[in-house]
Amino acid sequence: MTDVSVLVERLPHAADLPLPRYESAGAAGLDLMAAVADDLVLDASGGVVLVPTGLRIALPQGYEAQVRPRSGLAARNGVTVLNSPGTIDADYRGEIKVILINHGPQPFTVTRGLRIAQMVVAPVSRAVWQECRQLPDSVRGEGGFGSTGTAARPNDSDQGTSSC
């Protein structure tokens, strides 16, 4: 594990809420809380709401924060993060907000301080394109969208030739 220093600003509508924290020693994500003044209700089977957290952050260059669902909300209520994972770039300085969707059969109420999502801070790799005339072959080839099936398979080697 590597500690990363992240500047955080608590906005006035989150002044009484605790800062996100890891809920266990091995947790990868910090829990984000709803900084709502009044309850928000997500309608059953597709209700969407943008939930403020009352936080702004400044990540160090070379890092991102990913906003991910909380498994308990998803398993018990069918509530998840719509654009999962949501990405917070190092140069974004606006309030962190979470887009929640209710896939469950019952309305779901977001209350002040409810832990609605988790945020994982991670290093970023930047791609450097290396254009070539032809990509290397692989065992999978161009198969996609379920082409590998769902049953367990033996490991395949993805070695191939290319003209790069």
C-alpha atoms as a PDB file:
ATOM      1  CA  MET A   1       0.000   0.000   0.000  1.00  0.00           C
ATOM      2  CA  THR A   2       1.151   3.501  -0.828  1.00  0.00           C
ATOM      3  CA  ASP A   3      -0.139   6.607   0.924  1.00  0.00           C
ATOM      4  CA  VAL A   4      -1.047   9.497  -1.380  1.00  0.00           C
ATOM      5  CA  SER A   5      -1.634  12.996  -0.043  1.00  0.00           C
ATOM      6  CA  VAL A   6      -4.906  14.441  -1.394  1.00  0.00           C
ATOM      7  CA  LEU A   7      -6.074  17.980  -0.637  1.00  0.00           C
ATOM      8  CA  VAL A   8      -9.761  18.109   0.302  1.00  0.00           C
ATOM      9  CA  GLU A   9     -12.148  21.039   0.719  1.00  0.00           C
ATOM     10  CA  ARG A  10     -15.353  20.503   2.663  1.00  0.00           C
ATOM     11  CA  LEU A  11     -18.107  22.708   1.227  1.00  0.00           C
ATOM     12  CA  PRO A  12     -20.600  24.459   3.550  1.00  0.00           C
ATOM     13  CA  HIS A  13     -23.396  21.935   2.896  1.00  0.00           C
ATOM     14  CA  ALA A  14     -21.121  19.134   4.183  1.00  0.00           C
ATOM     15  CA  ALA A  15     -19.676  20.960   7.201  1.00  0.00           C
ATOM     16  CA  ASP A  16     -21.204  18.538   9.721  1.00  0.00           C
ATOM     17  CA  LEU A  17     -20.349  15.346   7.804  1.00  0.00           C
ATOM     18  CA  PRO A  18     -17.129  13.409   8.416  1.00  0.00           C
ATOM     19  CA  LEU A  19     -14.496  13.203   5.696  1.00  0.00           C
ATOM     20  CA  PRO A  20     -14.469   9.961   3.702  1.00  0.00           C
ATOM     21  CA  ARG A  21     -12.565   7.174   5.422  1.00  0.00           C
ATOM     22  CA  TYR A  22     -11.578   3.572   4.941  1.00  0.00           C
ATOM     23  CA  GLU A  23     -13.986   1.422   6.932  1.00  0.00           C
ATOM     24  CA  SER A  24     -11.544  -1.461   7.436  1.00  0.00           C
ATOM     25  CA  ALA A  25      -7.784  -1.967   7.441  1.00  0.00           C
ATOM     26  CA  GLY A  26      -7.876  -3.725   4.061  1.00  0.00           C
ATOM     27  CA  ALA A  27     -10.437  -1.486   2.335  1.00  0.00           C
ATOM     28  CA  ALA A  28      -9.442  -0.111  -1.087  1.00  0.00           C
ATOM     29  CA  GLY A  29     -12.188   2.513  -1.202  1.00  0.00           C
ATOM     30  CA  LEU A  30     -13.142   5.495   0.934  1.00  0.00           C
ATOM     31  CA  ASP A  31     -16.875   5.822   1.522  1.00  0.00           C
ATOM     32  CA  LEU A  32     -18.547   8.927   0.047  1.00  0.00           C
ATOM     33  CA  MET A  33     -21.590  10.347   1.845  1.00  0.00           C
ATOM     34  CA  ALA A  34     -24.667  12.161   0.627  1.00  0.00           C
ATOM     35  CA  ALA A  35     -24.524  15.865   1.498  1.00  0.00           C
ATOM     36  CA  VAL A  36     -28.205  16.480   0.839  1.00  0.00           C
ATOM     37  CA  ALA A  37     -30.331  18.956   2.795  1.00  0.00           C
ATOM     38  CA  ASP A  38     -33.537  17.012   2.147  1.00  0.00           C
ATOM     39  CA  ASP A  39     -34.153  13.353   1.367  1.00  0.00           C
ATOM     40  CA  LEU A  40     -33.905  12.377  -2.304  1.00  0.00           C
ATOM     41  CA  VAL A  41     -36.107   9.567  -3.571  1.00  0.00           C
ATOM     42  CA  LEU A  42     -34.980   7.370  -6.439  1.00  0.00           C
ATOM     43  CA  ASP A  43     -38.027   5.965  -8.195  1.00  0.00           C
ATOM     44  CA  ALA A  44     -38.163   2.186  -8.585  1.00  0.00           C
ATOM     45  CA  SER A  45     -36.866   0.536 -11.747  1.00  0.00           C
ATOM     46  CA  GLY A  46     -34.783   3.304 -13.244  1.00  0.00           C
ATOM     47  CA  GLY A  47     -34.890   6.399 -11.045  1.00  0.00           C
ATOM     48  CA  VAL A  48     -31.708   8.480 -11.427  1.00  0.00           C
ATOM     49  CA  VAL A  49     -30.428  11.227  -9.156  1.00  0.00           C
ATOM     50  CA  LEU A  50     -27.235  13.288  -8.924  1.00  0.00           C
ATOM     51  CA  VAL A  51     -26.141  13.263  -5.280  1.00  0.00           C
ATOM     52  CA  PRO A  52     -23.749  15.926  -3.953  1.00  0.00           C
ATOM     53  CA  THR A  53     -20.992  14.914  -1.525  1.00  0.00           C
ATOM     54  CA  GLY A  54     -19.997  18.427  -0.435  1.00  0.00           C
ATOM     55  CA  LEU A  55     -16.356  17.683  -1.247  1.00  0.00           C
ATOM     56  CA  ARG A  56     -13.825  19.062  -3.694  1.00  0.00           C
ATOM     57  CA  ILE A  57     -10.404  17.467  -4.049  1.00  0.00           C
ATOM     58  CA  ALA A  58      -7.031  18.162  -5.632  1.00  0.00           C
ATOM     59  CA  LEU A  59      -5.335  14.934  -6.619  1.00  0.00           C
ATOM     60  CA  PRO A  60      -1.607  14.876  -7.303  1.00  0.00           C
ATOM     61  CA  GLN A  61      -0.624  14.751 -10.975  1.00  0.00           C
ATOM     62  CA  GLY A  62      -0.464  11.122 -12.103  1.00  0.00           C
ATOM     63  CA  TYR A  63      -3.475   9.994 -10.036  1.00  0.00           C
ATOM     64  CA  GLU A  64      -7.217   9.664 -10.539  1.00  0.00           C
ATOM     65  CA  ALA A  65     -10.100   8.899  -8.225  1.00  0.00           C
ATOM     66  CA  GLN A  66     -12.668   6.317  -9.282  1.00  0.00           C
ATOM     67  CA  VAL A  67     -16.220   6.512  -7.929  1.00  0.00           C
ATOM     68  CA  ARG A  68     -17.608   3.001  -7.596  1.00  0.00           C
ATOM     69  CA  PRO A  69     -20.795   1.395  -6.284  1.00  0.00           C
ATOM     70  CA  ARG A  70     -21.154   0.093  -2.745  1.00  0.00           C
ATOM     71  CA  SER A  71     -21.879  -3.608  -2.944  1.00  0.00           C
ATOM     72  CA  GLY A  72     -24.367  -3.560  -0.069  1.00  0.00           C
ATOM     73  CA  LEU A  73     -26.576  -0.932  -1.737  1.00  0.00           C
ATOM     74  CA  ALA A  74     -26.496  -2.895  -4.980  1.00  0.00           C
ATOM     75  CA  ALA A  75     -27.187  -6.312  -3.409  1.00  0.00           C
ATOM     76  CA  ARG A  76     -29.900  -5.205  -0.978  1.00  0.00           C
ATOM     77  CA  ASN A  77     -31.607  -2.423  -2.921  1.00  0.00           C
ATOM     78  CA  GLY A  78     -30.533  -2.579  -6.566  1.00  0.00           C
ATOM     79  CA  VAL A  79     -28.939   0.890  -6.220  1.00  0.00           C
ATOM     80  CA  THR A  80     -25.665   1.466  -8.041  1.00  0.00           C
ATOM     81  CA  VAL A  81     -23.463   4.144  -9.607  1.00  0.00           C
ATOM     82  CA  LEU A  82     -24.710   4.781 -13.137  1.00  0.00           C
ATOM     83  CA  ASN A  83     -21.401   5.703 -14.784  1.00  0.00           C
ATOM     84  CA  SER A  84     -19.339   3.179 -12.919  1.00  0.00           C
ATOM     85  CA  PRO A  85     -16.570   3.753 -12.413  1.00  0.00           C
ATOM     86  CA  GLY A  86     -16.851   7.505 -12.572  1.00  0.00           C
ATOM     87  CA  THR A  87     -13.469   9.140 -13.058  1.00  0.00           C
ATOM     88  CA  ILE A  88     -12.245  12.224 -11.221  1.00  0.00           C
ATOM     89  CA  ASP A  89      -9.213  13.615 -13.032  1.00  0.00           C
ATOM     90  CA  ALA A  90      -6.276  15.247 -11.243  1.00  0.00           C
ATOM     91  CA  ASP A  91      -7.154  18.654 -12.715  1.00  0.00           C
ATOM     92  CA  TYR A  92     -10.893  18.618 -11.780  1.00  0.00           C
ATOM     93  CA  ARG A  93     -11.775  21.039  -8.987  1.00  0.00           C
ATOM     94  CA  GLY A  94     -15.569  20.881  -8.894  1.00  0.00           C
ATOM     95  CA  GLU A  95     -17.723  19.199  -6.291  1.00  0.00           C
ATOM     96  CA  ILE A  96     -17.729  15.412  -6.374  1.00  0.00           C
ATOM     97  CA  LYS A  97     -21.239  14.247  -7.210  1.00  0.00           C
ATOM     98  CA  VAL A  98     -22.452  10.680  -7.604  1.00  0.00           C
ATOM     99  CA  ILE A  99     -24.978   9.561 -10.225  1.00  0.00           C
ATOM    100  CA  LEU A 100     -27.117   6.885  -8.585  1.00  0.00           C
ATOM    101  CA  ILE A 101     -29.654   4.671 -10.340  1.00  0.00           C
ATOM    102  CA  ASN A 102     -32.241   2.436  -8.738  1.00  0.00           C
ATOM    103  CA  HIS A 103     -32.630  -0.870 -10.558  1.00  0.00           C
ATOM    104  CA  GLY A 104     -34.664  -2.253  -7.654  1.00  0.00           C
ATOM    105  CA  PRO A 105     -38.425  -2.827  -7.481  1.00  0.00           C
ATOM    106  CA  GLN A 106     -38.958  -0.350  -4.601  1.00  0.00           C
ATOM    107  CA  PRO A 107     -38.279   3.401  -4.335  1.00  0.00           C
ATOM    108  CA  PHE A 108     -35.030   4.144  -2.498  1.00  0.00           C
ATOM    109  CA  THR A 109     -34.455   7.155  -0.254  1.00  0.00           C
ATOM    110  CA  VAL A 110     -31.071   8.882  -0.057  1.00  0.00           C
ATOM    111  CA  THR A 111     -30.727  10.540   3.338  1.00  0.00           C
ATOM    112  CA  ARG A 112     -28.127  12.980   4.640  1.00  0.00           C
ATOM    113  CA  GLY A 113     -24.897  11.184   5.564  1.00  0.00           C
ATOM    114  CA  LEU A 114     -25.837   7.929   3.799  1.00  0.00           C
ATOM    115  CA  ARG A 115     -22.750   6.194   2.425  1.00  0.00           C
ATOM    116  CA  ILE A 116     -23.653   6.141  -1.264  1.00  0.00           C
ATOM    117  CA  ALA A 117     -20.472   5.156  -3.112  1.00  0.00           C
ATOM    118  CA  GLN A 118     -16.816   4.456  -2.624  1.00  0.00           C
ATOM    119  CA  MET A 119     -13.846   6.304  -4.031  1.00  0.00           C
ATOM    120  CA  VAL A 120     -10.576   4.605  -4.962  1.00  0.00           C
ATOM    121  CA  VAL A 121      -7.471   6.723  -5.579  1.00  0.00           C
ATOM    122  CA  ALA A 122      -5.241   5.077  -8.176  1.00  0.00           C
ATOM    123  CA  PRO A 123      -2.177   5.843 -10.281  1.00  0.00           C
ATOM    124  CA  VAL A 124      -2.774   6.653 -13.941  1.00  0.00           C
ATOM    125  CA  SER A 125      -0.889   5.221 -16.882  1.00  0.00           C
ATOM    126  CA  ARG A 126      -0.891   7.312 -20.040  1.00  0.00           C
ATOM    127  CA  ALA A 127      -0.895   5.575 -23.394  1.00  0.00           C
ATOM    128  CA  VAL A 128       1.822   6.330 -25.918  1.00  0.00           C
ATOM    129  CA  TRP A 129       0.561   5.237 -29.319  1.00  0.00           C
ATOM    130  CA  GLN A 130       2.873   3.097 -31.422  1.00  0.00           C
ATOM    131  CA  GLU A 131       1.224   2.870 -34.803  1.00  0.00           C
ATOM    132  CA  CYS A 132       1.944  -0.237 -36.845  1.00  0.00           C
ATOM    133  CA  ARG A 133       0.779  -1.770 -40.116  1.00  0.00           C
ATOM    134  CA  GLN A 134      -0.688  -4.873 -38.503  1.00  0.00           C
ATOM    135  CA  LEU A 135      -1.318  -5.928 -34.907  1.00  0.00           C
ATOM    136  CA  PRO A 136       0.140  -9.188 -33.578  1.00  0.00           C
ATOM    137  CA  ASP A 137      -2.079 -12.257 -33.834  1.00  0.00           C
ATOM    138  CA  SER A 138      -3.640 -13.725 -30.717  1.00  0.00           C
ATOM    139  CA  VAL A 139      -5.565 -16.875 -29.910  1.00  0.00           C
ATOM    140  CA  ARG A 140      -8.737 -14.858 -29.397  1.00  0.00           C
ATOM    141  CA  GLY A 141      -8.367 -12.794 -32.535  1.00  0.00           C
ATOM    142  CA  GLU A 142     -11.308 -10.507 -33.313  1.00  0.00           C
ATOM    143  CA  GLY A 143     -13.827 -12.436 -31.187  1.00  0.00           C
ATOM    144  CA  GLY A 144     -15.708 -10.229 -28.758  1.00  0.00           C
ATOM    145  CA  PHE A 145     -19.066  -9.729 -27.052  1.00  0.00           C
ATOM    146  CA  GLY A 146     -19.282 -13.162 -25.462  1.00  0.00           C
ATOM    147  CA  SER A 147     -17.148 -15.028 -27.992  1.00  0.00           C
ATOM    148  CA  THR A 148     -15.148 -16.718 -25.242  1.00  0.00           C
ATOM    149  CA  GLY A 149     -18.272 -18.167 -23.604  1.00  0.00           C
ATOM    150  CA  THR A 150     -18.963 -18.418 -19.894  1.00  0.00           C
ATOM    151  CA  ALA A 151     -17.487 -21.814 -18.944  1.00  0.00           C
ATOM    152  CA  ALA A 152     -13.988 -22.139 -17.502  1.00  0.00           C
ATOM    153  CA  ARG A 153     -11.337 -22.757 -20.153  1.00  0.00           C
ATOM    154  CA  PRO A 154      -7.705 -23.812 -20.040  1.00  0.00           C
ATOM    155  CA  ASN A 155      -5.179 -20.977 -20.268  1.00  0.00           C
ATOM    156  CA  ASP A 156      -4.258 -20.000 -23.816  1.00  0.00           C
ATOM    157  CA  SER A 157      -1.064 -18.368 -24.920  1.00  0.00           C
ATOM    158  CA  ASP A 158      -1.580 -15.014 -26.611  1.00  0.00           C
ATOM    159  CA  GLN A 159       1.725 -15.089 -28.467  1.00  0.00           C
ATOM    160  CA  GLY A 160       1.664 -13.993 -32.052  1.00  0.00           C
ATOM    161  CA  THR A 161       3.517 -12.242 -34.805  1.00  0.00           C
ATOM    162  CA  SER A 162       3.210  -8.668 -35.925  1.00  0.00           C
ATOM    163  CA  SER A 163       4.680  -6.171 -38.281  1.00  0.00           C
ATOM    164  CA  CYS A 164       5.168  -3.496 -35.624  1.00  0.00           C
END
